[in-house]
Amino acid sequence: MSELRTRAVLIGSLVDIGGTFIAGSLLIAAVATATGATTPEQLARTLDAAPSLQLATLALGLLMTLVGAYVAARLAPGAERMHAFAVGVIATLIGFSSVFASPGSSPFWSQAAGLILTVPAAFAGGEIRRAQARQGRKAP
């Protein structure tokens, strides 16, 4: 079994967290602009009333977890799964702490889906990298 490369996991986790923050902020800004929401309360009401926006936010977070896990896997050749999984665990722990810190911040289904799907999204990122690495080895 190979060693866990802390640097790879940290960079992958930072890509996940930073990417989620940036992409989420852009999505929120776009929603605020499109709806004319001028206060955080108006924006929260808009988001709470639109399951499609909640789903988009969930998908965005999972996509960024996939990307962060991919980055970690790329930085750890030969141990892609382990490093992708580590990014998923860190993201899940952050998700749990967020849910416990503000339990009513989003609907239960969204919080539950995020917690349940984070590790599989990270696994997918690691598997994408593994498949690419196998393709690279097969190339002439």
N, C-alpha and C. Protein backbone atom coordinates (compact mmCIF):
# COMPACT_ATOMS: atom_id res chain seq x y z
N MET A 1 0.85 -1.19 0.00
CA MET A 1 0.00 0.00 0.00
C MET A 1 0.88 1.24 0.00
N SER A 2 0.55 2.19 -0.83
CA SER A 2 1.38 3.38 -0.91
C SER A 2 0.97 4.38 0.17
N GLU A 3 1.86 5.30 0.40
CA GLU A 3 1.63 6.31 1.43
C GLU A 3 0.70 7.42 0.95
N LEU A 4 -0.03 7.98 1.89
CA LEU A 4 -0.88 9.11 1.59
C LEU A 4 0.00 10.35 1.44
N ARG A 5 -0.13 11.00 0.35
CA ARG A 5 0.63 12.23 0.09
C ARG A 5 -0.21 13.42 0.54
N THR A 6 0.17 13.95 1.68
CA THR A 6 -0.58 15.04 2.31
C THR A 6 -0.72 16.22 1.36
N ARG A 7 0.34 16.52 0.65
CA ARG A 7 0.33 17.67 -0.27
C ARG A 7 -0.76 17.49 -1.33
N ALA A 8 -0.86 16.30 -1.89
CA ALA A 8 -1.86 16.03 -2.93
C ALA A 8 -3.28 16.21 -2.37
N VAL A 9 -3.50 15.69 -1.16
CA VAL A 9 -4.83 15.79 -0.54
C VAL A 9 -5.15 17.25 -0.21
N LEU A 10 -4.17 17.97 0.32
CA LEU A 10 -4.41 19.39 0.64
C LEU A 10 -4.72 20.20 -0.60
N ILE A 11 -3.95 20.00 -1.65
CA ILE A 11 -4.19 20.76 -2.88
C ILE A 11 -5.56 20.39 -3.46
N GLY A 12 -5.87 19.09 -3.50
CA GLY A 12 -7.18 18.67 -4.00
C GLY A 12 -8.32 19.25 -3.17
N SER A 13 -8.16 19.25 -1.87
CA SER A 13 -9.19 19.81 -0.98
C SER A 13 -9.33 21.31 -1.17
N LEU A 14 -8.21 21.99 -1.35
CA LEU A 14 -8.27 23.44 -1.60
C LEU A 14 -8.95 23.75 -2.93
N VAL A 15 -8.70 22.93 -3.94
CA VAL A 15 -9.39 23.10 -5.23
C VAL A 15 -10.89 22.92 -5.02
N ASP A 16 -11.27 21.90 -4.27
CA ASP A 16 -12.68 21.65 -3.98
C ASP A 16 -13.30 22.83 -3.23
N ILE A 17 -12.71 23.21 -2.12
CA ILE A 17 -13.27 24.26 -1.28
C ILE A 17 -13.26 25.61 -2.00
N GLY A 18 -12.12 25.95 -2.56
CA GLY A 18 -12.01 27.23 -3.27
C GLY A 18 -12.91 27.30 -4.49
N GLY A 19 -12.93 26.20 -5.25
CA GLY A 19 -13.78 26.17 -6.43
C GLY A 19 -15.25 26.25 -6.08
N THR A 20 -15.64 25.55 -5.02
CA THR A 20 -17.04 25.60 -4.57
C THR A 20 -17.40 27.01 -4.14
N PHE A 21 -16.50 27.65 -3.40
CA PHE A 21 -16.77 29.02 -2.94
C PHE A 21 -16.91 29.97 -4.12
N ILE A 22 -15.97 29.90 -5.06
CA ILE A 22 -16.01 30.82 -6.20
C ILE A 22 -17.22 30.56 -7.09
N ALA A 23 -17.43 29.29 -7.46
CA ALA A 23 -18.56 28.96 -8.32
C ALA A 23 -19.89 29.26 -7.64
N GLY A 24 -19.99 28.95 -6.34
CA GLY A 24 -21.20 29.25 -5.60
C GLY A 24 -21.47 30.74 -5.51
N SER A 25 -20.41 31.50 -5.29
CA SER A 25 -20.56 32.96 -5.23
C SER A 25 -21.03 33.53 -6.56
N LEU A 26 -20.48 33.00 -7.65
CA LEU A 26 -20.92 33.45 -8.97
C LEU A 26 -22.37 33.09 -9.23
N LEU A 27 -22.77 31.89 -8.82
CA LEU A 27 -24.16 31.48 -8.99
C LEU A 27 -25.09 32.37 -8.16
N ILE A 28 -24.72 32.64 -6.93
CA ILE A 28 -25.54 33.49 -6.05
C ILE A 28 -25.63 34.91 -6.63
N ALA A 29 -24.52 35.42 -7.13
CA ALA A 29 -24.52 36.76 -7.72
C ALA A 29 -25.43 36.80 -8.95
N ALA A 30 -25.39 35.74 -9.76
CA ALA A 30 -26.24 35.69 -10.94
C ALA A 30 -27.72 35.63 -10.54
N VAL A 31 -28.02 34.84 -9.51
CA VAL A 31 -29.41 34.75 -9.04
C VAL A 31 -29.87 36.09 -8.48
N ALA A 32 -29.01 36.74 -7.72
CA ALA A 32 -29.37 38.04 -7.14
C ALA A 32 -29.62 39.06 -8.25
N THR A 33 -28.78 39.05 -9.26
CA THR A 33 -28.95 39.98 -10.38
C THR A 33 -30.22 39.67 -11.16
N ALA A 34 -30.46 38.40 -11.44
CA ALA A 34 -31.62 38.01 -12.23
C ALA A 34 -32.94 38.27 -11.51
N THR A 35 -32.93 38.11 -10.19
CA THR A 35 -34.18 38.28 -9.44
C THR A 35 -34.35 39.67 -8.84
N GLY A 36 -33.29 40.44 -8.84
CA GLY A 36 -33.36 41.77 -8.25
C GLY A 36 -33.30 41.76 -6.73
N ALA A 37 -32.87 40.64 -6.15
CA ALA A 37 -32.75 40.55 -4.69
C ALA A 37 -31.65 41.50 -4.23
N THR A 38 -32.00 42.36 -3.28
CA THR A 38 -31.02 43.35 -2.81
C THR A 38 -30.55 43.11 -1.37
N THR A 39 -31.23 42.22 -0.66
CA THR A 39 -30.81 41.91 0.70
C THR A 39 -30.57 40.41 0.82
N PRO A 40 -29.76 40.01 1.80
CA PRO A 40 -29.55 38.57 2.01
C PRO A 40 -30.85 37.82 2.29
N GLU A 41 -31.79 38.46 2.95
CA GLU A 41 -33.07 37.82 3.25
C GLU A 41 -33.86 37.55 1.98
N GLN A 42 -33.89 38.54 1.07
CA GLN A 42 -34.58 38.35 -0.21
C GLN A 42 -33.93 37.21 -1.01
N LEU A 43 -32.63 37.21 -1.02
CA LEU A 43 -31.90 36.17 -1.75
C LEU A 43 -32.17 34.79 -1.15
N ALA A 44 -32.19 34.70 0.18
CA ALA A 44 -32.46 33.43 0.85
C ALA A 44 -33.87 32.95 0.52
N ARG A 45 -34.84 33.84 0.51
CA ARG A 45 -36.22 33.46 0.16
C ARG A 45 -36.28 32.96 -1.28
N THR A 46 -35.56 33.62 -2.17
CA THR A 46 -35.54 33.20 -3.57
C THR A 46 -34.96 31.81 -3.71
N LEU A 47 -33.83 31.56 -3.03
CA LEU A 47 -33.19 30.25 -3.10
C LEU A 47 -34.05 29.17 -2.47
N ASP A 48 -34.68 29.49 -1.33
CA ASP A 48 -35.53 28.51 -0.64
C ASP A 48 -36.75 28.13 -1.47
N ALA A 49 -37.23 29.06 -2.30
CA ALA A 49 -38.44 28.82 -3.08
C ALA A 49 -38.16 28.10 -4.40
N ALA A 50 -36.90 27.89 -4.74
CA ALA A 50 -36.57 27.33 -6.05
C ALA A 50 -35.75 26.04 -5.91
N PRO A 51 -36.41 24.89 -5.91
CA PRO A 51 -35.67 23.63 -5.84
C PRO A 51 -34.64 23.48 -6.96
N SER A 52 -34.92 24.06 -8.11
CA SER A 52 -33.96 23.97 -9.21
C SER A 52 -32.65 24.68 -8.86
N LEU A 53 -32.72 25.79 -8.15
CA LEU A 53 -31.51 26.49 -7.71
C LEU A 53 -30.78 25.69 -6.64
N GLN A 54 -31.53 25.05 -5.76
CA GLN A 54 -30.91 24.20 -4.73
C GLN A 54 -30.21 23.02 -5.39
N LEU A 55 -30.85 22.45 -6.40
CA LEU A 55 -30.25 21.34 -7.13
C LEU A 55 -28.99 21.80 -7.87
N ALA A 56 -29.04 22.99 -8.46
CA ALA A 56 -27.87 23.53 -9.15
C ALA A 56 -26.72 23.75 -8.17
N THR A 57 -27.02 24.25 -6.98
CA THR A 57 -26.00 24.46 -5.97
C THR A 57 -25.39 23.12 -5.53
N LEU A 58 -26.24 22.13 -5.33
CA LEU A 58 -25.77 20.79 -4.97
C LEU A 58 -24.87 20.23 -6.06
N ALA A 59 -25.31 20.31 -7.31
CA ALA A 59 -24.53 19.78 -8.43
C ALA A 59 -23.19 20.50 -8.55
N LEU A 60 -23.20 21.78 -8.34
CA LEU A 60 -21.97 22.57 -8.41
C LEU A 60 -20.98 22.12 -7.34
N GLY A 61 -21.46 21.94 -6.13
CA GLY A 61 -20.59 21.48 -5.04
C GLY A 61 -20.02 20.09 -5.32
N LEU A 62 -20.86 19.19 -5.82
CA LEU A 62 -20.39 17.84 -6.13
C LEU A 62 -19.40 17.85 -7.28
N LEU A 63 -19.64 18.70 -8.27
CA LEU A 63 -18.70 18.82 -9.39
C LEU A 63 -17.34 19.31 -8.91
N MET A 64 -17.34 20.27 -8.00
CA MET A 64 -16.07 20.77 -7.50
C MET A 64 -15.36 19.72 -6.64
N THR A 65 -16.10 18.89 -5.94
CA THR A 65 -15.49 17.78 -5.21
C THR A 65 -14.85 16.81 -6.19
N LEU A 66 -15.54 16.51 -7.28
CA LEU A 66 -14.99 15.64 -8.31
C LEU A 66 -13.69 16.22 -8.85
N VAL A 67 -13.69 17.51 -9.14
CA VAL A 67 -12.49 18.17 -9.69
C VAL A 67 -11.35 18.14 -8.66
N GLY A 68 -11.65 18.45 -7.40
CA GLY A 68 -10.62 18.43 -6.36
C GLY A 68 -10.04 17.04 -6.18
N ALA A 69 -10.88 16.02 -6.22
CA ALA A 69 -10.40 14.64 -6.10
C ALA A 69 -9.56 14.25 -7.31
N TYR A 70 -9.96 14.71 -8.48
CA TYR A 70 -9.18 14.47 -9.69
C TYR A 70 -7.78 15.06 -9.56
N VAL A 71 -7.72 16.29 -9.06
CA VAL A 71 -6.42 16.96 -8.88
C VAL A 71 -5.56 16.16 -7.90
N ALA A 72 -6.14 15.75 -6.78
CA ALA A 72 -5.38 14.95 -5.80
C ALA A 72 -4.89 13.65 -6.43
N ALA A 73 -5.76 12.99 -7.21
CA ALA A 73 -5.38 11.74 -7.86
C ALA A 73 -4.27 11.96 -8.88
N ARG A 74 -4.33 13.06 -9.56
CA ARG A 74 -3.29 13.37 -10.57
C ARG A 74 -1.94 13.61 -9.89
N LEU A 75 -1.97 14.18 -8.70
CA LEU A 75 -0.73 14.46 -7.96
C LEU A 75 -0.19 13.22 -7.24
N ALA A 76 -0.93 12.11 -7.31
CA ALA A 76 -0.52 10.90 -6.60
C ALA A 76 -0.63 9.68 -7.52
N PRO A 77 0.19 9.63 -8.57
CA PRO A 77 0.10 8.50 -9.50
C PRO A 77 0.30 7.17 -8.77
N GLY A 78 -0.53 6.21 -9.14
CA GLY A 78 -0.45 4.89 -8.53
C GLY A 78 -1.29 4.74 -7.28
N ALA A 79 -1.75 5.84 -6.72
CA ALA A 79 -2.58 5.81 -5.52
C ALA A 79 -3.77 6.76 -5.68
N GLU A 80 -4.32 6.77 -6.89
CA GLU A 80 -5.39 7.73 -7.21
C GLU A 80 -6.61 7.56 -6.32
N ARG A 81 -7.05 6.32 -6.16
CA ARG A 81 -8.27 6.07 -5.38
C ARG A 81 -8.14 6.56 -3.94
N MET A 82 -7.02 6.24 -3.32
CA MET A 82 -6.83 6.61 -1.92
C MET A 82 -6.86 8.13 -1.75
N HIS A 83 -6.22 8.84 -2.66
CA HIS A 83 -6.15 10.29 -2.54
C HIS A 83 -7.49 10.95 -2.88
N ALA A 84 -8.18 10.41 -3.88
CA ALA A 84 -9.51 10.93 -4.20
C ALA A 84 -10.46 10.69 -3.02
N PHE A 85 -10.39 9.51 -2.43
CA PHE A 85 -11.22 9.18 -1.27
C PHE A 85 -10.93 10.14 -0.11
N ALA A 86 -9.66 10.44 0.11
CA ALA A 86 -9.29 11.36 1.21
C ALA A 86 -9.91 12.73 0.99
N VAL A 87 -9.92 13.21 -0.24
CA VAL A 87 -10.56 14.50 -0.54
C VAL A 87 -12.06 14.40 -0.25
N GLY A 88 -12.67 13.28 -0.63
CA GLY A 88 -14.10 13.09 -0.35
C GLY A 88 -14.41 13.07 1.13
N VAL A 89 -13.55 12.43 1.91
CA VAL A 89 -13.75 12.38 3.37
C VAL A 89 -13.64 13.78 3.96
N ILE A 90 -12.64 14.52 3.54
CA ILE A 90 -12.48 15.90 4.05
C ILE A 90 -13.70 16.74 3.68
N ALA A 91 -14.15 16.63 2.44
CA ALA A 91 -15.33 17.40 2.01
C ALA A 91 -16.57 17.00 2.81
N THR A 92 -16.70 15.70 3.09
CA THR A 92 -17.85 15.23 3.88
C THR A 92 -17.78 15.76 5.30
N LEU A 93 -16.60 15.75 5.89
CA LEU A 93 -16.45 16.29 7.25
C LEU A 93 -16.79 17.78 7.29
N ILE A 94 -16.36 18.50 6.28
CA ILE A 94 -16.71 19.93 6.20
C ILE A 94 -18.22 20.08 6.03
N GLY A 95 -18.81 19.21 5.22
CA GLY A 95 -20.26 19.24 5.03
C GLY A 95 -21.02 18.97 6.32
N PHE A 96 -20.57 17.95 7.07
CA PHE A 96 -21.21 17.66 8.36
C PHE A 96 -21.10 18.85 9.30
N SER A 97 -19.93 19.46 9.37
CA SER A 97 -19.77 20.60 10.27
C SER A 97 -20.65 21.76 9.84
N SER A 98 -20.81 21.94 8.55
CA SER A 98 -21.68 23.00 8.05
C SER A 98 -23.14 22.72 8.39
N VAL A 99 -23.56 21.47 8.23
CA VAL A 99 -24.95 21.10 8.56
C VAL A 99 -25.22 21.29 10.04
N PHE A 100 -24.27 20.89 10.88
CA PHE A 100 -24.47 21.05 12.32
C PHE A 100 -24.37 22.50 12.77
N ALA A 101 -23.58 23.30 12.08
CA ALA A 101 -23.44 24.71 12.44
C ALA A 101 -24.69 25.51 12.08
N SER A 102 -25.31 25.17 10.94
CA SER A 102 -26.52 25.89 10.54
C SER A 102 -27.48 24.89 9.88
N PRO A 103 -28.18 24.11 10.71
CA PRO A 103 -29.02 23.02 10.20
C PRO A 103 -30.15 23.45 9.27
N GLY A 104 -30.67 24.63 9.40
CA GLY A 104 -31.79 25.06 8.56
C GLY A 104 -31.37 25.89 7.37
N SER A 105 -30.08 25.89 7.05
CA SER A 105 -29.60 26.77 5.98
C SER A 105 -30.06 26.33 4.60
N SER A 106 -30.40 25.08 4.43
CA SER A 106 -30.95 24.58 3.17
C SER A 106 -31.86 23.41 3.49
N PRO A 107 -32.69 22.99 2.54
CA PRO A 107 -33.62 21.90 2.81
C PRO A 107 -32.90 20.61 3.18
N PHE A 108 -33.59 19.79 3.96
CA PHE A 108 -33.00 18.53 4.41
C PHE A 108 -32.55 17.66 3.24
N TRP A 109 -33.38 17.56 2.19
CA TRP A 109 -33.03 16.70 1.06
C TRP A 109 -31.71 17.13 0.43
N SER A 110 -31.49 18.43 0.36
CA SER A 110 -30.25 18.95 -0.23
C SER A 110 -29.05 18.64 0.65
N GLN A 111 -29.21 18.83 1.94
CA GLN A 111 -28.12 18.53 2.87
C GLN A 111 -27.80 17.04 2.86
N ALA A 112 -28.84 16.21 2.91
CA ALA A 112 -28.64 14.76 2.93
C ALA A 112 -27.99 14.29 1.64
N ALA A 113 -28.48 14.77 0.52
CA ALA A 113 -27.91 14.36 -0.77
C ALA A 113 -26.45 14.77 -0.87
N GLY A 114 -26.14 15.97 -0.40
CA GLY A 114 -24.75 16.42 -0.44
C GLY A 114 -23.85 15.53 0.39
N LEU A 115 -24.29 15.17 1.58
CA LEU A 115 -23.47 14.31 2.44
C LEU A 115 -23.34 12.90 1.88
N ILE A 116 -24.41 12.39 1.30
CA ILE A 116 -24.39 11.03 0.76
C ILE A 116 -23.57 10.94 -0.53
N LEU A 117 -23.64 11.95 -1.36
CA LEU A 117 -23.02 11.89 -2.69
C LEU A 117 -21.60 12.44 -2.77
N THR A 118 -21.09 13.02 -1.70
CA THR A 118 -19.76 13.63 -1.75
C THR A 118 -18.66 12.60 -2.01
N VAL A 119 -18.64 11.53 -1.25
CA VAL A 119 -17.58 10.52 -1.46
C VAL A 119 -17.71 9.87 -2.84
N PRO A 120 -18.92 9.51 -3.30
CA PRO A 120 -19.01 8.98 -4.66
C PRO A 120 -18.53 9.98 -5.73
N ALA A 121 -18.79 11.26 -5.54
CA ALA A 121 -18.29 12.26 -6.49
C ALA A 121 -16.77 12.29 -6.48
N ALA A 122 -16.18 12.22 -5.30
CA ALA A 122 -14.72 12.19 -5.20
C ALA A 122 -14.17 10.93 -5.84
N PHE A 123 -14.84 9.80 -5.60
CA PHE A 123 -14.41 8.54 -6.20
C PHE A 123 -14.42 8.66 -7.73
N ALA A 124 -15.46 9.29 -8.27
CA ALA A 124 -15.56 9.47 -9.72
C ALA A 124 -14.37 10.28 -10.24
N GLY A 125 -13.99 11.32 -9.51
CA GLY A 125 -12.82 12.11 -9.91
C GLY A 125 -11.55 11.27 -9.96
N GLY A 126 -11.38 10.42 -8.96
CA GLY A 126 -10.21 9.54 -8.93
C GLY A 126 -10.26 8.52 -10.06
N GLU A 127 -11.44 7.99 -10.35
CA GLU A 127 -11.57 7.00 -11.42
C GLU A 127 -11.34 7.62 -12.79
N ILE A 128 -11.78 8.85 -12.98
CA ILE A 128 -11.51 9.54 -14.25
C ILE A 128 -10.00 9.66 -14.45
N ARG A 129 -9.30 10.04 -13.38
CA ARG A 129 -7.84 10.16 -13.50
C ARG A 129 -7.19 8.80 -13.75
N ARG A 130 -7.66 7.77 -13.07
CA ARG A 130 -7.11 6.42 -13.30
C ARG A 130 -7.30 5.98 -14.74
N ALA A 131 -8.48 6.25 -15.29
CA ALA A 131 -8.76 5.88 -16.68
C ALA A 131 -7.83 6.64 -17.63
N GLN A 132 -7.62 7.91 -17.35
CA GLN A 132 -6.70 8.69 -18.19
C GLN A 132 -5.29 8.14 -18.10
N ALA A 133 -4.86 7.77 -16.91
CA ALA A 133 -3.51 7.24 -16.72
C ALA A 133 -3.36 5.92 -17.47
N ARG A 134 -4.40 5.08 -17.43
CA ARG A 134 -4.34 3.81 -18.18
C ARG A 134 -4.27 4.07 -19.67
N GLN A 135 -5.00 5.04 -20.15
CA GLN A 135 -4.96 5.38 -21.58
C GLN A 135 -3.57 5.85 -21.97
N GLY A 136 -2.94 6.62 -21.09
CA GLY A 136 -1.59 7.12 -21.35
C GLY A 136 -0.58 5.99 -21.42
N ARG A 137 -0.75 4.97 -20.60
CA ARG A 137 0.18 3.83 -20.61
C ARG A 137 -0.02 2.96 -21.85
N LYS A 138 -1.24 2.95 -22.38
CA LYS A 138 -1.53 2.12 -23.55
C LYS A 138 -1.11 2.80 -24.85
N ALA A 139 -0.91 4.10 -24.81
CA ALA A 139 -0.56 4.82 -26.04
C ALA A 139 0.81 4.36 -26.53
N PRO A 140 0.98 4.30 -27.86
CA PRO A 140 2.28 3.86 -28.40
C PRO A 140 3.41 4.81 -28.13
